[in-house]
Amino acid sequence: MRKDSKSLFFNFLFYIVLSNSSLFGTNQYPIVLVHGFIGWGPEEMGGYPYWGGNLDLTGYLESFGFEVFTVSVGPVSSNWERAVETFYQIKGGQVDYGKNHSDKWGIIQKPAGKYYSGLYPEWDHDHPAHFIGHSMGGQTIRMLAYQLTHSFQSDSIIDDDDNILMNIEHSGWIKSITAISTPHDGTTLSNLVSKTIPFLQNFIILGAVVETK
């Protein structure tokens, strides 16, 4: 998609979102933007805005008086990990993916360099936020909502007082979730891949047989 077309596309989507949501209601809770698969944050890609391109929708929303926070999560990470990163970037603290998840997937539970001062340290039940996610970002927000409202004692991290996300249930922290082009039921690309890969495998095998003759 060309940059101009992408900017127009996102601008139109945000016009629809803001015109038909509670964001123009009686509250002025902050807005948190969560990018999608292979997305980037405001300090990456040479500063070129993921949200709106040249139009810079973060600045556009701020011009209306909204407080906007843009997170930068793993572009190809799992939704669990992206949700954890979103939490700590907003609230502040050391990223902790949970012992059980980290052991299962062979990742570092508390990676060095992922300690955040917090974009919105006041975030809690009395100071909620609106969340807007594009593509996979919508899935990430839904995962975050799940993590916030559950405690994961089976992860053997209940004795870790620093893990405020996993150890305690937090209700009411998310005021609203708006998902833009989010594949809530999974992407249809997976069907294409599952059908294409066997064909390519057979094609390669056939090519190898022909080559050896």
N, C-alpha and C. Protein backbone atom coordinates (compact mmCIF):
# COMPACT_ATOMS: atom_id res chain seq x y z
N MET A 1 0.84 -1.19 0.00
CA MET A 1 0.00 0.00 0.00
C MET A 1 0.88 1.24 0.00
N ARG A 2 0.62 2.21 -0.88
CA ARG A 2 1.40 3.43 -0.94
C ARG A 2 1.23 4.21 0.35
N LYS A 3 2.24 5.04 0.67
CA LYS A 3 2.20 5.79 1.92
C LYS A 3 0.98 6.70 1.98
N ASP A 4 0.66 7.40 0.85
CA ASP A 4 -0.48 8.30 0.85
C ASP A 4 -1.77 7.54 1.06
N SER A 5 -1.89 6.38 0.42
CA SER A 5 -3.10 5.57 0.56
C SER A 5 -3.22 5.05 1.98
N LYS A 6 -2.09 4.62 2.54
CA LYS A 6 -2.11 4.11 3.92
C LYS A 6 -2.52 5.21 4.88
N SER A 7 -1.99 6.42 4.69
CA SER A 7 -2.34 7.52 5.57
C SER A 7 -3.82 7.84 5.48
N LEU A 8 -4.36 7.86 4.26
CA LEU A 8 -5.78 8.13 4.07
C LEU A 8 -6.62 7.04 4.70
N PHE A 9 -6.16 5.80 4.55
CA PHE A 9 -6.88 4.65 5.09
C PHE A 9 -6.98 4.74 6.61
N PHE A 10 -5.86 4.98 7.27
CA PHE A 10 -5.87 5.07 8.72
C PHE A 10 -6.66 6.29 9.20
N ASN A 11 -6.55 7.39 8.47
CA ASN A 11 -7.29 8.58 8.85
C ASN A 11 -8.79 8.32 8.81
N PHE A 12 -9.23 7.64 7.76
CA PHE A 12 -10.65 7.30 7.63
C PHE A 12 -11.09 6.38 8.76
N LEU A 13 -10.26 5.37 9.07
CA LEU A 13 -10.61 4.44 10.14
C LEU A 13 -10.73 5.15 11.47
N PHE A 14 -9.82 6.06 11.75
CA PHE A 14 -9.89 6.76 13.02
C PHE A 14 -11.07 7.72 13.07
N TYR A 15 -11.43 8.26 11.93
CA TYR A 15 -12.62 9.12 11.90
C TYR A 15 -13.85 8.31 12.27
N ILE A 16 -13.95 7.09 11.73
CA ILE A 16 -15.07 6.21 12.05
C ILE A 16 -15.05 5.84 13.53
N VAL A 17 -13.85 5.46 14.02
CA VAL A 17 -13.73 5.04 15.42
C VAL A 17 -14.12 6.16 16.37
N LEU A 18 -13.58 7.33 16.14
CA LEU A 18 -13.80 8.42 17.07
C LEU A 18 -15.20 9.01 16.96
N SER A 19 -15.82 8.87 15.80
CA SER A 19 -17.16 9.40 15.61
C SER A 19 -18.22 8.51 16.21
N ASN A 20 -17.91 7.22 16.39
CA ASN A 20 -18.92 6.27 16.81
C ASN A 20 -18.59 5.55 18.11
N SER A 21 -17.62 6.03 18.84
CA SER A 21 -17.24 5.35 20.08
C SER A 21 -17.44 6.25 21.28
N SER A 22 -17.18 5.69 22.43
CA SER A 22 -17.33 6.43 23.67
C SER A 22 -16.17 7.38 23.93
N LEU A 23 -15.21 7.41 23.00
CA LEU A 23 -14.03 8.25 23.21
C LEU A 23 -14.39 9.73 23.22
N PHE A 24 -15.50 10.08 22.56
CA PHE A 24 -15.95 11.46 22.59
C PHE A 24 -17.02 11.65 23.66
N GLY A 25 -17.07 10.74 24.63
CA GLY A 25 -18.06 10.80 25.69
C GLY A 25 -17.65 11.77 26.78
N THR A 26 -18.09 11.46 27.97
CA THR A 26 -17.87 12.39 29.08
C THR A 26 -16.51 12.21 29.74
N ASN A 27 -15.78 11.17 29.39
CA ASN A 27 -14.48 10.96 30.03
C ASN A 27 -13.34 11.37 29.11
N GLN A 28 -12.20 11.57 29.71
CA GLN A 28 -10.99 11.92 28.96
C GLN A 28 -9.87 10.95 29.34
N TYR A 29 -10.20 9.68 29.42
CA TYR A 29 -9.19 8.68 29.74
C TYR A 29 -8.17 8.59 28.60
N PRO A 30 -6.93 8.27 28.91
CA PRO A 30 -5.90 8.17 27.86
C PRO A 30 -6.22 7.08 26.84
N ILE A 31 -5.61 7.21 25.68
CA ILE A 31 -5.74 6.23 24.60
C ILE A 31 -4.40 5.55 24.42
N VAL A 32 -4.42 4.23 24.36
CA VAL A 32 -3.20 3.45 24.13
C VAL A 32 -3.30 2.79 22.77
N LEU A 33 -2.29 3.00 21.93
CA LEU A 33 -2.25 2.43 20.58
C LEU A 33 -1.30 1.23 20.57
N VAL A 34 -1.78 0.11 20.05
CA VAL A 34 -0.98 -1.12 19.97
C VAL A 34 -0.87 -1.55 18.52
N HIS A 35 0.34 -1.57 17.99
CA HIS A 35 0.54 -1.89 16.58
C HIS A 35 0.37 -3.38 16.30
N GLY A 36 0.34 -3.71 15.02
CA GLY A 36 0.11 -5.08 14.60
C GLY A 36 1.38 -5.86 14.30
N PHE A 37 1.20 -6.96 13.62
CA PHE A 37 2.30 -7.86 13.24
C PHE A 37 3.31 -7.12 12.37
N ILE A 38 4.58 -7.26 12.71
CA ILE A 38 5.69 -6.58 12.03
C ILE A 38 5.51 -5.07 12.09
N GLY A 39 4.86 -4.60 13.16
CA GLY A 39 4.71 -3.16 13.35
C GLY A 39 5.89 -2.58 14.12
N TRP A 40 5.80 -1.31 14.43
CA TRP A 40 6.92 -0.65 15.12
C TRP A 40 6.40 0.49 15.99
N GLY A 41 7.28 0.96 16.87
CA GLY A 41 6.94 2.03 17.79
C GLY A 41 7.41 3.38 17.29
N PRO A 42 7.16 4.43 18.05
CA PRO A 42 7.47 5.80 17.61
C PRO A 42 8.96 6.09 17.48
N GLU A 43 9.81 5.31 18.16
CA GLU A 43 11.25 5.56 18.10
C GLU A 43 11.95 4.66 17.09
N GLU A 44 11.18 3.92 16.31
CA GLU A 44 11.75 2.98 15.35
C GLU A 44 11.43 3.40 13.92
N MET A 45 12.02 2.71 12.96
CA MET A 45 11.79 2.99 11.53
C MET A 45 12.06 4.45 11.19
N GLY A 46 13.11 4.99 11.81
CA GLY A 46 13.49 6.36 11.52
C GLY A 46 12.47 7.38 11.96
N GLY A 47 11.60 6.98 12.89
CA GLY A 47 10.59 7.90 13.39
C GLY A 47 9.36 8.02 12.51
N TYR A 48 9.31 7.23 11.41
CA TYR A 48 8.12 7.29 10.54
C TYR A 48 6.94 6.67 11.29
N PRO A 49 5.85 7.42 11.46
CA PRO A 49 4.73 6.94 12.28
C PRO A 49 4.03 5.71 11.69
N TYR A 50 3.92 4.68 12.50
CA TYR A 50 3.12 3.52 12.10
C TYR A 50 1.65 3.91 11.99
N TRP A 51 1.23 4.75 12.93
CA TRP A 51 -0.17 5.16 12.99
C TRP A 51 -0.39 6.42 12.14
N GLY A 52 -0.78 6.21 10.89
CA GLY A 52 -1.15 7.32 10.02
C GLY A 52 -0.09 7.78 9.05
N GLY A 53 1.12 7.23 9.16
CA GLY A 53 2.15 7.65 8.22
C GLY A 53 2.45 9.14 8.36
N ASN A 54 2.48 9.83 7.26
CA ASN A 54 2.81 11.26 7.27
C ASN A 54 1.79 12.10 8.04
N LEU A 55 0.59 11.58 8.20
CA LEU A 55 -0.43 12.34 8.92
C LEU A 55 -0.23 12.29 10.43
N ASP A 56 0.49 11.29 10.93
CA ASP A 56 0.78 11.16 12.36
C ASP A 56 -0.49 11.27 13.20
N LEU A 57 -1.22 10.18 13.28
CA LEU A 57 -2.50 10.19 13.97
C LEU A 57 -2.37 10.37 15.47
N THR A 58 -1.20 10.05 16.02
CA THR A 58 -0.99 10.32 17.43
C THR A 58 -1.08 11.82 17.69
N GLY A 59 -0.36 12.57 16.87
CA GLY A 59 -0.42 14.03 16.99
C GLY A 59 -1.80 14.57 16.66
N TYR A 60 -2.47 13.92 15.71
CA TYR A 60 -3.82 14.34 15.32
C TYR A 60 -4.78 14.20 16.49
N LEU A 61 -4.72 13.08 17.19
CA LEU A 61 -5.59 12.87 18.35
C LEU A 61 -5.23 13.83 19.48
N GLU A 62 -3.94 14.07 19.66
CA GLU A 62 -3.50 14.98 20.71
C GLU A 62 -3.98 16.40 20.45
N SER A 63 -4.13 16.74 19.18
CA SER A 63 -4.62 18.08 18.83
C SER A 63 -6.06 18.30 19.29
N PHE A 64 -6.79 17.20 19.53
CA PHE A 64 -8.16 17.29 20.04
C PHE A 64 -8.19 17.22 21.57
N GLY A 65 -7.02 17.19 22.18
CA GLY A 65 -6.95 17.18 23.63
C GLY A 65 -6.84 15.81 24.26
N PHE A 66 -6.71 14.77 23.43
CA PHE A 66 -6.57 13.42 23.97
C PHE A 66 -5.14 13.17 24.42
N GLU A 67 -5.00 12.40 25.48
CA GLU A 67 -3.69 11.93 25.92
C GLU A 67 -3.46 10.57 25.28
N VAL A 68 -2.40 10.45 24.49
CA VAL A 68 -2.19 9.25 23.68
C VAL A 68 -0.83 8.64 24.00
N PHE A 69 -0.83 7.33 24.20
CA PHE A 69 0.41 6.58 24.43
C PHE A 69 0.53 5.51 23.36
N THR A 70 1.70 5.41 22.76
CA THR A 70 1.96 4.42 21.73
C THR A 70 3.01 3.44 22.23
N VAL A 71 2.67 2.17 22.29
CA VAL A 71 3.62 1.17 22.77
C VAL A 71 4.39 0.57 21.60
N SER A 72 5.51 -0.04 21.93
CA SER A 72 6.35 -0.72 20.93
C SER A 72 6.62 -2.13 21.44
N VAL A 73 5.89 -3.09 20.90
CA VAL A 73 6.01 -4.47 21.36
C VAL A 73 6.68 -5.33 20.29
N GLY A 74 6.98 -6.57 20.64
CA GLY A 74 7.66 -7.46 19.71
C GLY A 74 6.90 -7.60 18.40
N PRO A 75 7.51 -7.28 17.27
CA PRO A 75 6.80 -7.32 15.98
C PRO A 75 6.38 -8.71 15.55
N VAL A 76 7.10 -9.74 16.00
CA VAL A 76 6.75 -11.11 15.61
C VAL A 76 6.61 -12.01 16.84
N SER A 77 6.44 -11.41 18.01
CA SER A 77 6.29 -12.19 19.24
C SER A 77 4.87 -12.73 19.37
N SER A 78 4.67 -13.62 20.33
CA SER A 78 3.34 -14.15 20.60
C SER A 78 2.48 -13.07 21.26
N ASN A 79 1.17 -13.25 21.20
CA ASN A 79 0.28 -12.28 21.83
C ASN A 79 0.48 -12.24 23.34
N TRP A 80 0.83 -13.36 23.95
CA TRP A 80 1.10 -13.38 25.39
C TRP A 80 2.24 -12.43 25.71
N GLU A 81 3.35 -12.56 24.97
CA GLU A 81 4.52 -11.73 25.23
C GLU A 81 4.25 -10.26 24.89
N ARG A 82 3.55 -10.02 23.81
CA ARG A 82 3.22 -8.64 23.42
C ARG A 82 2.32 -7.99 24.47
N ALA A 83 1.39 -8.76 25.03
CA ALA A 83 0.49 -8.22 26.05
C ALA A 83 1.26 -7.87 27.32
N VAL A 84 2.19 -8.75 27.71
CA VAL A 84 3.02 -8.48 28.88
C VAL A 84 3.84 -7.21 28.67
N GLU A 85 4.43 -7.07 27.49
CA GLU A 85 5.23 -5.88 27.18
C GLU A 85 4.37 -4.63 27.20
N THR A 86 3.15 -4.74 26.69
CA THR A 86 2.23 -3.61 26.70
C THR A 86 1.95 -3.16 28.13
N PHE A 87 1.69 -4.13 29.00
CA PHE A 87 1.39 -3.82 30.40
C PHE A 87 2.52 -3.03 31.05
N TYR A 88 3.74 -3.54 30.95
CA TYR A 88 4.86 -2.92 31.65
C TYR A 88 5.30 -1.61 31.00
N GLN A 89 5.10 -1.47 29.70
CA GLN A 89 5.40 -0.18 29.09
C GLN A 89 4.45 0.90 29.57
N ILE A 90 3.22 0.53 29.86
CA ILE A 90 2.25 1.50 30.35
C ILE A 90 2.41 1.73 31.85
N LYS A 91 2.38 0.65 32.61
CA LYS A 91 2.40 0.74 34.08
C LYS A 91 3.79 1.00 34.63
N GLY A 92 4.80 0.45 33.97
CA GLY A 92 6.17 0.55 34.45
C GLY A 92 6.60 -0.69 35.20
N GLY A 93 7.90 -0.96 35.16
CA GLY A 93 8.44 -2.12 35.86
C GLY A 93 9.20 -3.05 34.94
N GLN A 94 9.70 -4.14 35.52
CA GLN A 94 10.47 -5.13 34.78
C GLN A 94 9.55 -6.09 34.06
N VAL A 95 9.72 -6.23 32.76
CA VAL A 95 8.94 -7.19 31.99
C VAL A 95 9.17 -8.59 32.55
N ASP A 96 8.08 -9.30 32.80
CA ASP A 96 8.14 -10.66 33.34
C ASP A 96 7.09 -11.49 32.60
N TYR A 97 7.57 -12.39 31.74
CA TYR A 97 6.67 -13.19 30.92
C TYR A 97 6.02 -14.35 31.68
N GLY A 98 6.45 -14.56 32.92
CA GLY A 98 5.93 -15.68 33.70
C GLY A 98 6.82 -16.90 33.56
N LYS A 99 7.03 -17.60 34.65
CA LYS A 99 7.95 -18.73 34.65
C LYS A 99 7.49 -19.86 33.74
N ASN A 100 6.22 -20.22 33.83
CA ASN A 100 5.71 -21.34 33.06
C ASN A 100 5.82 -21.08 31.56
N HIS A 101 5.41 -19.89 31.13
CA HIS A 101 5.47 -19.54 29.72
C HIS A 101 6.92 -19.49 29.24
N SER A 102 7.78 -18.91 30.05
CA SER A 102 9.19 -18.78 29.67
C SER A 102 9.88 -20.13 29.55
N ASP A 103 9.60 -21.02 30.51
CA ASP A 103 10.19 -22.36 30.46
C ASP A 103 9.67 -23.15 29.26
N LYS A 104 8.40 -23.02 28.98
CA LYS A 104 7.79 -23.77 27.88
C LYS A 104 8.37 -23.39 26.53
N TRP A 105 8.61 -22.11 26.33
CA TRP A 105 9.04 -21.63 25.02
C TRP A 105 10.52 -21.28 24.97
N GLY A 106 11.23 -21.49 26.06
CA GLY A 106 12.67 -21.28 26.06
C GLY A 106 13.09 -19.84 25.90
N ILE A 107 12.38 -18.93 26.55
CA ILE A 107 12.73 -17.52 26.49
C ILE A 107 13.16 -17.05 27.87
N ILE A 108 13.80 -15.90 27.92
CA ILE A 108 14.23 -15.32 29.20
C ILE A 108 13.02 -14.73 29.90
N GLN A 109 12.80 -15.14 31.14
CA GLN A 109 11.61 -14.70 31.86
C GLN A 109 11.62 -13.19 32.12
N LYS A 110 12.77 -12.68 32.54
CA LYS A 110 12.89 -11.25 32.83
C LYS A 110 14.07 -10.69 32.03
N PRO A 111 13.87 -10.39 30.76
CA PRO A 111 14.98 -9.95 29.91
C PRO A 111 15.57 -8.62 30.35
N ALA A 112 16.89 -8.58 30.38
CA ALA A 112 17.57 -7.33 30.71
C ALA A 112 17.28 -6.29 29.62
N GLY A 113 17.18 -5.06 30.03
CA GLY A 113 16.91 -4.01 29.07
C GLY A 113 15.44 -3.77 28.83
N LYS A 114 14.59 -4.54 29.49
CA LYS A 114 13.15 -4.34 29.34
C LYS A 114 12.54 -3.94 30.68
N TYR A 115 13.09 -2.89 31.23
CA TYR A 115 12.53 -2.27 32.43
C TYR A 115 12.06 -0.88 32.03
N TYR A 116 10.81 -0.57 32.33
CA TYR A 116 10.23 0.69 31.86
C TYR A 116 9.78 1.56 33.03
N SER A 117 9.96 2.86 32.87
CA SER A 117 9.52 3.82 33.89
C SER A 117 8.00 3.97 33.87
N GLY A 118 7.39 3.66 32.73
CA GLY A 118 5.93 3.70 32.65
C GLY A 118 5.42 4.93 31.91
N LEU A 119 4.65 4.70 30.85
CA LEU A 119 4.04 5.80 30.11
C LEU A 119 2.88 6.41 30.90
N TYR A 120 2.22 5.57 31.70
CA TYR A 120 1.05 5.99 32.46
C TYR A 120 1.04 5.23 33.78
N PRO A 121 1.95 5.58 34.70
CA PRO A 121 2.09 4.83 35.96
C PRO A 121 0.83 4.83 36.82
N GLU A 122 -0.04 5.81 36.61
CA GLU A 122 -1.27 5.91 37.40
C GLU A 122 -2.31 4.87 36.99
N TRP A 123 -2.05 4.16 35.91
CA TRP A 123 -3.02 3.21 35.34
C TRP A 123 -3.49 2.21 36.39
N ASP A 124 -4.79 2.19 36.64
CA ASP A 124 -5.40 1.21 37.54
C ASP A 124 -6.91 1.26 37.36
N HIS A 125 -7.65 0.68 38.30
CA HIS A 125 -9.11 0.64 38.20
C HIS A 125 -9.72 2.03 38.19
N ASP A 126 -9.14 2.94 38.94
CA ASP A 126 -9.67 4.30 39.02
C ASP A 126 -9.13 5.21 37.92
N HIS A 127 -8.11 4.74 37.22
CA HIS A 127 -7.52 5.52 36.12
C HIS A 127 -7.35 4.60 34.91
N PRO A 128 -8.45 4.18 34.29
CA PRO A 128 -8.39 3.24 33.16
C PRO A 128 -7.95 3.92 31.87
N ALA A 129 -7.88 3.16 30.82
CA ALA A 129 -7.48 3.69 29.52
C ALA A 129 -8.27 3.00 28.41
N HIS A 130 -8.43 3.72 27.31
CA HIS A 130 -9.01 3.15 26.10
C HIS A 130 -7.88 2.52 25.29
N PHE A 131 -8.13 1.38 24.69
CA PHE A 131 -7.11 0.69 23.90
C PHE A 131 -7.58 0.54 22.46
N ILE A 132 -6.70 0.89 21.54
CA ILE A 132 -6.97 0.74 20.11
C ILE A 132 -5.85 -0.11 19.50
N GLY A 133 -6.22 -1.19 18.85
CA GLY A 133 -5.23 -2.07 18.24
C GLY A 133 -5.49 -2.26 16.76
N HIS A 134 -4.42 -2.25 15.99
CA HIS A 134 -4.53 -2.51 14.56
C HIS A 134 -4.07 -3.93 14.27
N SER A 135 -4.85 -4.67 13.52
CA SER A 135 -4.52 -6.03 13.11
C SER A 135 -4.22 -6.89 14.35
N MET A 136 -3.04 -7.46 14.42
CA MET A 136 -2.68 -8.31 15.56
C MET A 136 -2.72 -7.55 16.88
N GLY A 137 -2.62 -6.23 16.79
CA GLY A 137 -2.70 -5.42 18.00
C GLY A 137 -4.01 -5.61 18.75
N GLY A 138 -5.10 -5.86 18.00
CA GLY A 138 -6.38 -6.13 18.64
C GLY A 138 -6.36 -7.42 19.43
N GLN A 139 -5.68 -8.44 18.88
CA GLN A 139 -5.54 -9.71 19.60
C GLN A 139 -4.69 -9.52 20.85
N THR A 140 -3.66 -8.71 20.73
CA THR A 140 -2.77 -8.44 21.86
C THR A 140 -3.54 -7.79 23.01
N ILE A 141 -4.41 -6.85 22.68
CA ILE A 141 -5.19 -6.18 23.71
C ILE A 141 -6.15 -7.15 24.38
N ARG A 142 -6.76 -8.02 23.60
CA ARG A 142 -7.66 -9.02 24.18
C ARG A 142 -6.90 -9.96 25.13
N MET A 143 -5.68 -10.31 24.75
CA MET A 143 -4.85 -11.13 25.62
C MET A 143 -4.51 -10.38 26.91
N LEU A 144 -4.22 -9.09 26.77
CA LEU A 144 -3.93 -8.27 27.94
C LEU A 144 -5.13 -8.22 28.87
N ALA A 145 -6.33 -8.09 28.31
CA ALA A 145 -7.54 -8.07 29.12
C ALA A 145 -7.70 -9.39 29.88
N TYR A 146 -7.33 -10.48 29.23
CA TYR A 146 -7.38 -11.80 29.88
C TYR A 146 -6.36 -11.88 31.02
N GLN A 147 -5.14 -11.42 30.75
CA GLN A 147 -4.10 -11.48 31.78
C GLN A 147 -4.45 -10.61 32.98
N LEU A 148 -5.05 -9.46 32.72
CA LEU A 148 -5.40 -8.55 33.80
C LEU A 148 -6.46 -9.12 34.74
N THR A 149 -7.37 -9.89 34.20
CA THR A 149 -8.50 -10.36 34.98
C THR A 149 -8.32 -11.78 35.52
N HIS A 150 -7.10 -12.32 35.41
CA HIS A 150 -6.81 -13.65 35.94
C HIS A 150 -5.50 -13.62 36.72
N SER A 151 -5.39 -14.48 37.71
CA SER A 151 -4.11 -14.69 38.38
C SER A 151 -3.60 -16.06 37.96
N PHE A 152 -2.30 -16.15 37.78
CA PHE A 152 -1.71 -17.37 37.22
C PHE A 152 -0.83 -18.05 38.27
N GLN A 153 -1.47 -18.58 39.31
CA GLN A 153 -0.74 -19.23 40.39
C GLN A 153 -0.07 -20.51 39.91
N SER A 154 -0.63 -21.14 38.89
CA SER A 154 -0.05 -22.38 38.38
C SER A 154 1.28 -22.16 37.68
N ASP A 155 1.61 -20.88 37.42
CA ASP A 155 2.87 -20.57 36.77
C ASP A 155 4.04 -20.57 37.75
N SER A 156 3.78 -20.88 39.01
CA SER A 156 4.83 -20.93 40.04
C SER A 156 5.51 -19.58 40.21
N ILE A 157 4.75 -18.51 40.04
CA ILE A 157 5.33 -17.17 40.20
C ILE A 157 4.57 -16.38 41.26
N ILE A 158 3.70 -17.07 41.99
CA ILE A 158 2.86 -16.37 42.95
C ILE A 158 3.67 -15.74 44.07
N ASP A 159 4.87 -16.28 44.36
CA ASP A 159 5.71 -15.74 45.42
C ASP A 159 6.54 -14.55 44.96
N ASP A 160 6.45 -14.24 43.67
CA ASP A 160 7.22 -13.12 43.13
C ASP A 160 6.38 -11.85 43.27
N ASP A 161 6.69 -11.06 44.28
CA ASP A 161 5.90 -9.85 44.55
C ASP A 161 6.06 -8.81 43.46
N ASP A 162 7.12 -8.91 42.65
CA ASP A 162 7.35 -7.92 41.61
C ASP A 162 6.44 -8.12 40.41
N ASN A 163 5.90 -9.32 40.25
CA ASN A 163 5.07 -9.59 39.09
C ASN A 163 3.63 -9.18 39.38
N ILE A 164 3.37 -7.89 39.25
CA ILE A 164 2.05 -7.35 39.58
C ILE A 164 1.00 -7.71 38.53
N LEU A 165 1.42 -8.14 37.37
CA LEU A 165 0.46 -8.53 36.34
C LEU A 165 -0.07 -9.93 36.58
N MET A 166 0.81 -10.88 36.84
CA MET A 166 0.42 -12.28 36.93
C MET A 166 -0.18 -12.66 38.29
N ASN A 167 0.23 -11.98 39.35
CA ASN A 167 -0.14 -12.42 40.69
C ASN A 167 -1.47 -11.89 41.20
N ILE A 168 -1.96 -10.81 40.61
CA ILE A 168 -3.16 -10.15 41.11
C ILE A 168 -4.14 -9.93 39.97
N GLU A 169 -5.42 -10.12 40.25
CA GLU A 169 -6.45 -9.83 39.26
C GLU A 169 -6.74 -8.32 39.27
N HIS A 170 -6.80 -7.73 38.08
CA HIS A 170 -7.03 -6.29 37.94
C HIS A 170 -8.26 -6.08 37.05
N SER A 171 -9.37 -5.75 37.63
CA SER A 171 -10.58 -5.51 36.85
C SER A 171 -10.79 -4.02 36.63
N GLY A 172 -11.33 -3.68 35.48
CA GLY A 172 -11.68 -2.30 35.20
C GLY A 172 -10.56 -1.42 34.72
N TRP A 173 -9.41 -2.00 34.44
CA TRP A 173 -8.28 -1.20 33.98
C TRP A 173 -8.44 -0.78 32.52
N ILE A 174 -9.14 -1.57 31.74
CA ILE A 174 -9.37 -1.26 30.33
C ILE A 174 -10.79 -0.73 30.18
N LYS A 175 -10.93 0.52 29.76
CA LYS A 175 -12.25 1.13 29.62
C LYS A 175 -12.95 0.65 28.36
N SER A 176 -12.20 0.54 27.28
CA SER A 176 -12.78 0.06 26.02
C SER A 176 -11.69 -0.53 25.14
N ILE A 177 -12.10 -1.41 24.24
CA ILE A 177 -11.19 -2.01 23.26
C ILE A 177 -11.75 -1.75 21.87
N THR A 178 -10.96 -1.13 21.02
CA THR A 178 -11.32 -0.92 19.62
C THR A 178 -10.31 -1.64 18.75
N ALA A 179 -10.77 -2.57 17.95
CA ALA A 179 -9.89 -3.36 17.08
C ALA A 179 -10.13 -2.98 15.63
N ILE A 180 -9.06 -2.66 14.93
CA ILE A 180 -9.13 -2.26 13.52
C ILE A 180 -8.50 -3.35 12.66
N SER A 181 -9.29 -3.95 11.79
CA SER A 181 -8.82 -5.01 10.88
C SER A 181 -8.12 -6.13 11.65
N THR A 182 -8.70 -6.53 12.76
CA THR A 182 -8.12 -7.59 13.58
C THR A 182 -8.73 -8.95 13.23
N PRO A 183 -7.91 -9.94 12.93
CA PRO A 183 -8.42 -11.29 12.63
C PRO A 183 -8.75 -12.04 13.92
N HIS A 184 -9.90 -11.74 14.51
CA HIS A 184 -10.26 -12.33 15.80
C HIS A 184 -10.39 -13.85 15.75
N ASP A 185 -10.75 -14.38 14.59
CA ASP A 185 -10.89 -15.83 14.44
C ASP A 185 -9.70 -16.45 13.73
N GLY A 186 -8.59 -15.73 13.68
CA GLY A 186 -7.41 -16.22 12.97
C GLY A 186 -7.40 -15.71 11.54
N THR A 187 -6.24 -15.71 10.95
CA THR A 187 -6.10 -15.20 9.59
C THR A 187 -6.35 -16.28 8.55
N THR A 188 -6.99 -15.89 7.45
CA THR A 188 -7.23 -16.84 6.36
C THR A 188 -5.94 -17.19 5.64
N LEU A 189 -4.88 -16.44 5.92
CA LEU A 189 -3.59 -16.75 5.30
C LEU A 189 -3.11 -18.13 5.71
N SER A 190 -3.49 -18.56 6.93
CA SER A 190 -3.06 -19.88 7.39
C SER A 190 -3.61 -20.98 6.49
N ASN A 191 -4.83 -20.78 5.98
CA ASN A 191 -5.40 -21.77 5.06
C ASN A 191 -4.60 -21.84 3.77
N LEU A 192 -4.19 -20.66 3.29
CA LEU A 192 -3.39 -20.61 2.06
C LEU A 192 -2.05 -21.30 2.26
N VAL A 193 -1.44 -21.03 3.42
CA VAL A 193 -0.13 -21.62 3.70
C VAL A 193 -0.23 -23.13 3.81
N SER A 194 -1.27 -23.62 4.52
CA SER A 194 -1.41 -25.06 4.72
C SER A 194 -1.66 -25.79 3.41
N LYS A 195 -2.28 -25.10 2.45
CA LYS A 195 -2.55 -25.72 1.16
C LYS A 195 -1.36 -25.58 0.21
N THR A 196 -0.64 -24.47 0.35
CA THR A 196 0.45 -24.18 -0.58
C THR A 196 1.71 -24.95 -0.25
N ILE A 197 2.05 -25.05 1.03
CA ILE A 197 3.30 -25.70 1.42
C ILE A 197 3.38 -27.15 0.96
N PRO A 198 2.33 -27.98 1.14
CA PRO A 198 2.42 -29.36 0.62
C PRO A 198 2.63 -29.39 -0.88
N PHE A 199 1.99 -28.48 -1.60
CA PHE A 199 2.17 -28.41 -3.05
C PHE A 199 3.61 -28.09 -3.40
N LEU A 200 4.18 -27.11 -2.68
CA LEU A 200 5.57 -26.74 -2.94
C LEU A 200 6.52 -27.88 -2.60
N GLN A 201 6.21 -28.61 -1.52
CA GLN A 201 7.04 -29.74 -1.15
C GLN A 201 7.03 -30.80 -2.25
N ASN A 202 5.85 -31.11 -2.76
CA ASN A 202 5.73 -32.09 -3.84
C ASN A 202 6.42 -31.60 -5.11
N PHE A 203 6.31 -30.29 -5.35
CA PHE A 203 6.92 -29.71 -6.54
C PHE A 203 8.44 -29.82 -6.46
N ILE A 204 8.98 -29.55 -5.27
CA ILE A 204 10.43 -29.63 -5.08
C ILE A 204 10.92 -31.07 -5.23
N ILE A 205 10.15 -32.02 -4.66
CA ILE A 205 10.51 -33.44 -4.78
C ILE A 205 10.51 -33.86 -6.24
N LEU A 206 9.47 -33.45 -6.97
CA LEU A 206 9.37 -33.78 -8.39
C LEU A 206 10.55 -33.19 -9.16
N GLY A 207 10.90 -31.95 -8.81
CA GLY A 207 12.02 -31.31 -9.47
C GLY A 207 13.32 -32.04 -9.21
N ALA A 208 13.48 -32.54 -8.00
CA ALA A 208 14.69 -33.28 -7.65
C ALA A 208 14.77 -34.58 -8.42
N VAL A 209 13.63 -35.25 -8.60
CA VAL A 209 13.60 -36.51 -9.34
C VAL A 209 13.96 -36.27 -10.80
N VAL A 210 13.39 -35.24 -11.38
CA VAL A 210 13.69 -34.92 -12.78
C VAL A 210 15.16 -34.56 -12.95
N GLU A 211 15.71 -33.82 -11.99
CA GLU A 211 17.09 -33.37 -12.06
C GLU A 211 18.06 -34.55 -12.02
N THR A 212 17.71 -35.60 -11.28
CA THR A 212 18.63 -36.74 -11.13
C THR A 212 18.58 -37.69 -12.31
N LYS A 213 17.59 -37.53 -13.20
CA LYS A 213 17.50 -38.43 -14.35
C LYS A 213 18.45 -38.00 -15.45
